[in-house]
Amino acid sequence: MKKSAAKPLTKTELKRIIFKEIPRFVKKDPEIREFILKISAGRFADRKETEDRFERLLEQLRIDREKYEKRWQENQRHLERLEREWAERWEENERRWEENQRRWEENQRRWEENERRWEENQKVINSILEEIKLLHRKYDTGIGALGSRWGLRAESSFRDAIKGILEEDFPVKVERYRTIDEEGLVFGRPDQIELDLIIRNGYVTVAEIKSSISKGDVITYLRKIQVYEKKEGRPVRRKIIISPMVDNAALEFAKESNIKVYGYPEEIELSELQS
């Protein structure tokens, strides 16, 4: 009786046997170990080749590191240059700002100085204008007085001009006081008398406003005041004469009689118009 032929192994069974047995063969049989190394040499690098590859890798890493370090240093230098430029620009802007501030303060000081000078000049101009105005008034008053004295201008017009100046320059009101002197104290017979009353805050100053004053005019003025005090029942404490033309005898007599004499209304002080 013949023996049956052995059944061939499948690929799966063969792979299982090789994986199971090959480690033992490689460990014990040098020929098998050498054979396996030869057939795997084309797929796996040997030690020398591996070391060469490792050296080349380290060299490439060194080159890359130097390149990156060089770029880092270049970037660092660029950053430092930018910082220096920024600092220089900041200092320049700071210097320009301080210079502009100094110029602004200087212009402000000059402006204030010019404004102060302008105000001073304006005060001088106003003072000159006031002096011109005063001279004009004195000139006009003097001409009016001369005209009244020589009959070229009415005494009432001269008085009205002085009245206008007083009311314009002072907070006063000038009124014409008229009454009848029945006893004839002024002219020696009954007649009408007139006085100028300067009223401020209810206080009354009795004035004589004429283009020219003589001693006789002063005597007449005092008699008119006596009539006023008797009629109105109040004493007169302020007596003034306003005239650009007062002769020496009249001026002396007025001082003795406690009468203030003014050549022009601008010479009067406001405090003297309140009793």
Protein backbone atom coordinates (compact mmCIF):
# COMPACT_ATOMS: atom_id res chain seq x y z
CA MET A 1 0.00 0.00 0.00
CA LYS A 2 1.47 3.38 -1.17
CA LYS A 3 1.85 6.42 1.17
CA SER A 4 -0.14 9.55 0.14
CA ALA A 5 1.85 12.66 -0.91
CA ALA A 6 2.26 15.49 1.73
CA LYS A 7 -0.12 18.38 1.39
CA PRO A 8 1.71 21.62 0.32
CA LEU A 9 1.79 24.58 2.84
CA THR A 10 -0.24 27.68 2.18
CA LYS A 11 1.35 31.14 2.12
CA THR A 12 -0.27 31.97 5.40
CA GLU A 13 1.14 28.88 7.06
CA LEU A 14 4.55 29.48 5.55
CA LYS A 15 4.63 33.12 6.81
CA ARG A 16 3.65 31.95 10.26
CA ILE A 17 6.44 29.38 10.34
CA ILE A 18 9.05 31.93 9.05
CA PHE A 19 8.03 34.60 11.62
CA LYS A 20 8.17 31.98 14.34
CA GLU A 21 11.45 30.30 13.42
CA ILE A 22 13.56 33.06 11.81
CA PRO A 23 14.59 34.82 15.01
CA ARG A 24 16.01 31.53 16.33
CA PHE A 25 17.82 30.89 13.04
CA VAL A 26 19.28 34.41 12.90
CA LYS A 27 20.51 34.07 16.45
CA LYS A 28 22.09 30.58 16.02
CA ASP A 29 23.04 30.35 12.34
CA PRO A 30 25.55 32.95 11.05
CA GLU A 31 24.90 32.08 7.42
CA ILE A 32 21.21 32.77 7.74
CA ARG A 33 21.95 36.01 9.62
CA GLU A 34 24.36 37.10 6.86
CA PHE A 35 21.86 36.13 4.20
CA ILE A 36 19.13 38.23 5.83
CA LEU A 37 21.46 41.21 6.12
CA LYS A 38 22.37 40.97 2.44
CA ILE A 39 18.79 40.80 1.23
CA SER A 40 17.83 43.71 3.51
CA ALA A 41 20.87 45.86 2.64
CA GLY A 42 19.11 47.42 -0.30
CA ARG A 43 16.27 48.59 1.92
CA PHE A 44 18.07 49.58 5.12
CA ALA A 45 21.27 51.67 5.41
CA ASP A 46 24.26 50.25 7.14
CA ARG A 47 25.98 51.89 10.14
CA LYS A 48 28.45 53.94 8.11
CA GLU A 49 25.77 55.21 5.80
CA THR A 50 23.57 55.98 8.79
CA GLU A 51 26.39 57.88 10.46
CA ASP A 52 27.07 59.79 7.23
CA ARG A 53 23.44 60.68 6.96
CA PHE A 54 23.44 61.81 10.59
CA GLU A 55 26.54 63.93 10.02
CA ARG A 56 24.97 65.50 6.96
CA LEU A 57 21.82 66.20 9.00
CA LEU A 58 23.86 67.85 11.75
CA GLU A 59 25.76 69.92 9.18
CA GLN A 60 22.51 71.05 7.61
CA LEU A 61 21.17 71.92 11.04
CA ARG A 62 24.36 73.90 11.74
CA ILE A 63 24.05 75.74 8.41
CA ASP A 64 20.37 76.47 9.05
CA ARG A 65 21.17 77.67 12.56
CA GLU A 66 23.88 80.02 11.29
CA LYS A 67 21.55 81.30 8.61
CA TYR A 68 18.76 81.88 11.08
CA GLU A 69 21.18 83.46 13.56
CA LYS A 70 22.45 85.77 10.82
CA ARG A 71 18.89 86.75 9.97
CA TRP A 72 18.16 87.30 13.67
CA GLN A 73 21.17 89.55 14.00
CA GLU A 74 20.19 91.45 10.86
CA ASN A 75 16.64 91.87 12.18
CA GLN A 76 18.05 92.93 15.55
CA ARG A 77 20.28 95.52 13.89
CA HIS A 78 17.33 96.71 11.80
CA LEU A 79 15.20 96.99 14.94
CA GLU A 80 17.96 98.91 16.75
CA ARG A 81 18.29 101.23 13.75
CA LEU A 82 14.54 101.80 13.75
CA GLU A 83 14.65 102.51 17.49
CA ARG A 84 17.48 105.02 17.02
CA GLU A 85 15.65 106.71 14.15
CA TRP A 86 12.44 106.82 16.18
CA ALA A 87 14.33 108.25 19.17
CA GLU A 88 16.01 110.85 16.94
CA ARG A 89 12.69 111.79 15.36
CA TRP A 90 11.08 111.99 18.80
CA GLU A 91 13.87 114.25 20.04
CA GLU A 92 13.56 116.39 16.89
CA ASN A 93 9.79 116.65 17.31
CA GLU A 94 10.29 117.45 20.98
CA ARG A 95 12.79 120.17 20.05
CA ARG A 96 10.43 121.57 17.42
CA TRP A 97 7.56 121.50 19.91
CA GLU A 98 9.63 123.40 22.48
CA GLU A 99 10.72 125.87 19.81
CA ASN A 100 7.12 126.38 18.67
CA GLN A 101 6.05 126.76 22.30
CA ARG A 102 8.79 129.34 22.87
CA ARG A 103 7.74 131.22 19.73
CA TRP A 104 4.11 131.07 20.81
CA GLU A 105 4.96 132.47 24.24
CA GLU A 106 7.12 135.14 22.62
CA ASN A 107 4.30 136.09 20.22
CA GLN A 108 1.85 136.08 23.12
CA ARG A 109 4.18 138.36 25.10
CA ARG A 110 4.56 140.67 22.09
CA TRP A 111 0.79 140.66 21.58
CA GLU A 112 0.20 141.59 25.22
CA GLU A 113 2.91 144.27 25.00
CA ASN A 114 1.35 145.67 21.81
CA GLU A 115 -2.09 145.57 23.40
CA ARG A 116 -0.74 147.37 26.49
CA ARG A 117 0.93 149.99 24.28
CA TRP A 118 -2.25 150.34 22.24
CA GLU A 119 -4.25 150.92 25.44
CA GLU A 120 -1.68 153.45 26.63
CA ASN A 121 -1.74 155.19 23.25
CA GLN A 122 -5.52 155.13 23.32
CA LYS A 123 -5.48 156.75 26.77
CA VAL A 124 -3.07 159.40 25.49
CA ILE A 125 -5.25 159.99 22.42
CA ASN A 126 -8.38 160.22 24.58
CA SER A 127 -6.57 162.59 26.94
CA ILE A 128 -5.50 164.73 23.99
CA LEU A 129 -9.04 164.69 22.63
CA GLU A 130 -10.38 165.71 26.03
CA GLU A 131 -7.84 168.54 26.19
CA ILE A 132 -8.80 169.63 22.68
CA LYS A 133 -12.45 169.44 23.66
CA LEU A 134 -11.74 171.48 26.79
CA LEU A 135 -9.74 174.07 24.80
CA HIS A 136 -12.51 174.23 22.25
CA ARG A 137 -15.05 174.81 24.99
CA LYS A 138 -12.90 177.43 26.65
CA TYR A 139 -12.33 179.10 23.29
CA ASP A 140 -16.02 178.96 22.47
CA THR A 141 -16.92 180.18 25.97
CA GLY A 142 -14.40 183.02 25.75
CA ILE A 143 -15.66 184.07 22.32
CA GLY A 144 -19.22 183.85 23.62
CA ALA A 145 -18.30 185.98 26.60
CA LEU A 146 -16.68 188.60 24.40
CA GLY A 147 -19.69 188.57 22.12
CA SER A 148 -22.07 188.96 25.04
CA ARG A 149 -19.98 191.77 26.52
CA TRP A 150 -19.97 193.72 23.25
CA GLY A 151 -23.56 192.94 22.42
CA LEU A 152 -22.71 190.50 19.63
CA ARG A 153 -24.28 187.56 21.41
CA ALA A 154 -27.11 187.41 23.94
CA GLU A 155 -26.28 186.75 27.58
CA SER A 156 -28.97 184.06 27.63
CA SER A 157 -27.21 182.17 24.81
CA PHE A 158 -23.97 182.21 26.78
CA ARG A 159 -25.80 180.95 29.87
CA ASP A 160 -27.49 178.20 27.87
CA ALA A 161 -24.09 177.06 26.57
CA ILE A 162 -22.65 176.86 30.08
CA LYS A 163 -25.81 175.05 31.27
CA GLY A 164 -25.37 172.47 28.50
CA ILE A 165 -21.74 171.86 29.44
CA LEU A 166 -22.59 171.40 33.12
CA GLU A 167 -25.40 168.95 32.44
CA GLU A 168 -23.25 167.03 29.97
CA ASP A 169 -20.18 166.69 32.20
CA PHE A 170 -21.84 166.35 35.61
CA PRO A 171 -24.90 164.44 36.90
CA VAL A 172 -26.65 167.73 37.62
CA LYS A 173 -29.60 169.74 36.43
CA VAL A 174 -29.41 173.51 35.92
CA GLU A 175 -32.63 175.43 36.45
CA ARG A 176 -33.40 179.15 36.11
CA TYR A 177 -34.92 180.53 39.32
CA ARG A 178 -37.17 183.57 38.92
CA THR A 179 -39.07 185.49 41.56
CA ILE A 180 -40.29 189.03 42.38
CA ASP A 181 -38.31 191.11 44.84
CA GLU A 182 -41.28 192.98 46.32
CA GLU A 183 -39.14 194.75 48.93
CA GLY A 184 -36.60 196.05 46.40
CA LEU A 185 -33.61 194.54 48.23
CA VAL A 186 -31.66 194.04 44.99
CA PHE A 187 -32.33 197.05 42.81
CA GLY A 188 -33.85 199.45 45.40
CA ARG A 189 -37.32 198.94 43.96
CA PRO A 190 -39.59 195.93 43.36
CA ASP A 191 -38.39 193.98 40.36
CA GLN A 192 -37.91 190.44 39.02
CA ILE A 193 -34.67 188.66 39.89
CA GLU A 194 -33.10 185.55 38.33
CA LEU A 195 -30.63 183.00 39.67
CA ASP A 196 -29.18 179.74 38.32
CA LEU A 197 -29.73 176.71 40.54
CA ILE A 198 -27.46 173.68 40.11
CA ILE A 199 -29.31 170.64 41.50
CA ARG A 200 -27.58 167.34 42.30
CA ASN A 201 -29.22 164.54 44.31
CA GLY A 202 -31.71 167.03 45.73
CA TYR A 203 -29.00 169.44 46.91
CA VAL A 204 -29.02 172.97 45.50
CA THR A 205 -26.08 175.23 44.70
CA VAL A 206 -26.86 178.85 43.80
CA ALA A 207 -24.77 180.02 40.86
CA GLU A 208 -24.28 183.20 38.88
CA ILE A 209 -23.50 182.43 35.24
CA LYS A 210 -22.47 185.49 33.23
CA SER A 211 -20.10 186.31 30.40
CA SER A 212 -18.35 188.92 32.57
CA ILE A 213 -18.45 189.86 36.25
CA SER A 214 -17.72 193.15 37.97
CA LYS A 215 -17.70 194.00 41.67
CA GLY A 216 -21.21 195.41 41.29
CA ASP A 217 -22.37 192.11 39.77
CA VAL A 218 -21.05 190.29 42.83
CA ILE A 219 -22.93 192.67 45.16
CA THR A 220 -26.12 192.16 43.13
CA TYR A 221 -25.62 188.37 43.24
CA LEU A 222 -25.34 188.42 47.04
CA ARG A 223 -28.54 190.48 47.31
CA LYS A 224 -30.35 187.98 45.05
CA ILE A 225 -29.26 185.20 47.40
CA GLN A 226 -30.75 187.11 50.36
CA VAL A 227 -34.08 187.26 48.51
CA TYR A 228 -33.85 183.54 47.68
CA GLU A 229 -33.14 182.57 51.31
CA LYS A 230 -36.00 184.72 52.55
CA LYS A 231 -38.45 183.45 49.94
CA GLU A 232 -37.49 179.75 50.12
CA GLY A 233 -36.75 179.65 53.86
CA ARG A 234 -33.41 177.81 53.53
CA PRO A 235 -29.82 179.07 53.83
CA VAL A 236 -27.48 178.92 50.86
CA ARG A 237 -24.19 177.21 51.74
CA ARG A 238 -22.74 176.92 48.25
CA LYS A 239 -22.27 180.08 46.24
CA ILE A 240 -20.36 179.98 42.94
CA ILE A 241 -19.76 182.30 40.02
CA ILE A 242 -18.96 180.96 36.54
CA SER A 243 -17.50 183.54 34.18
CA PRO A 244 -14.45 183.68 31.92
CA MET A 245 -14.09 187.43 32.57
CA VAL A 246 -13.88 188.55 36.21
CA ASP A 247 -12.12 191.81 37.05
CA ASN A 248 -9.68 191.93 39.96
CA ALA A 249 -11.94 193.93 42.26
CA ALA A 250 -14.80 191.45 41.70
CA LEU A 251 -12.49 188.49 42.30
CA GLU A 252 -11.18 189.94 45.56
CA PHE A 253 -14.64 190.81 46.82
CA ALA A 254 -15.95 187.31 45.88
CA LYS A 255 -13.21 185.65 47.92
CA GLU A 256 -14.01 187.86 50.91
CA SER A 257 -17.68 186.87 50.56
CA ASN A 258 -16.89 183.11 50.49
CA ILE A 259 -17.87 182.78 46.82
CA LYS A 260 -16.04 180.29 44.59
CA VAL A 261 -15.20 181.77 41.17
CA TYR A 262 -14.57 179.60 38.09
CA GLY A 263 -13.53 180.78 34.69
CA TYR A 264 -14.88 177.63 32.99
CA PRO A 265 -17.34 174.93 34.09
CA GLU A 266 -14.67 172.21 33.61
CA GLU A 267 -12.78 173.65 36.60
CA ILE A 268 -15.58 172.75 39.00
CA GLU A 269 -15.15 169.66 41.20
CA LEU A 270 -18.19 167.43 41.54
CA SER A 271 -17.99 167.43 45.35
CA GLU A 272 -18.55 171.20 45.37
CA LEU A 273 -21.99 170.78 43.78
CA GLN A 274 -23.42 169.00 46.83
CA SER A 275 -24.12 170.83 50.05
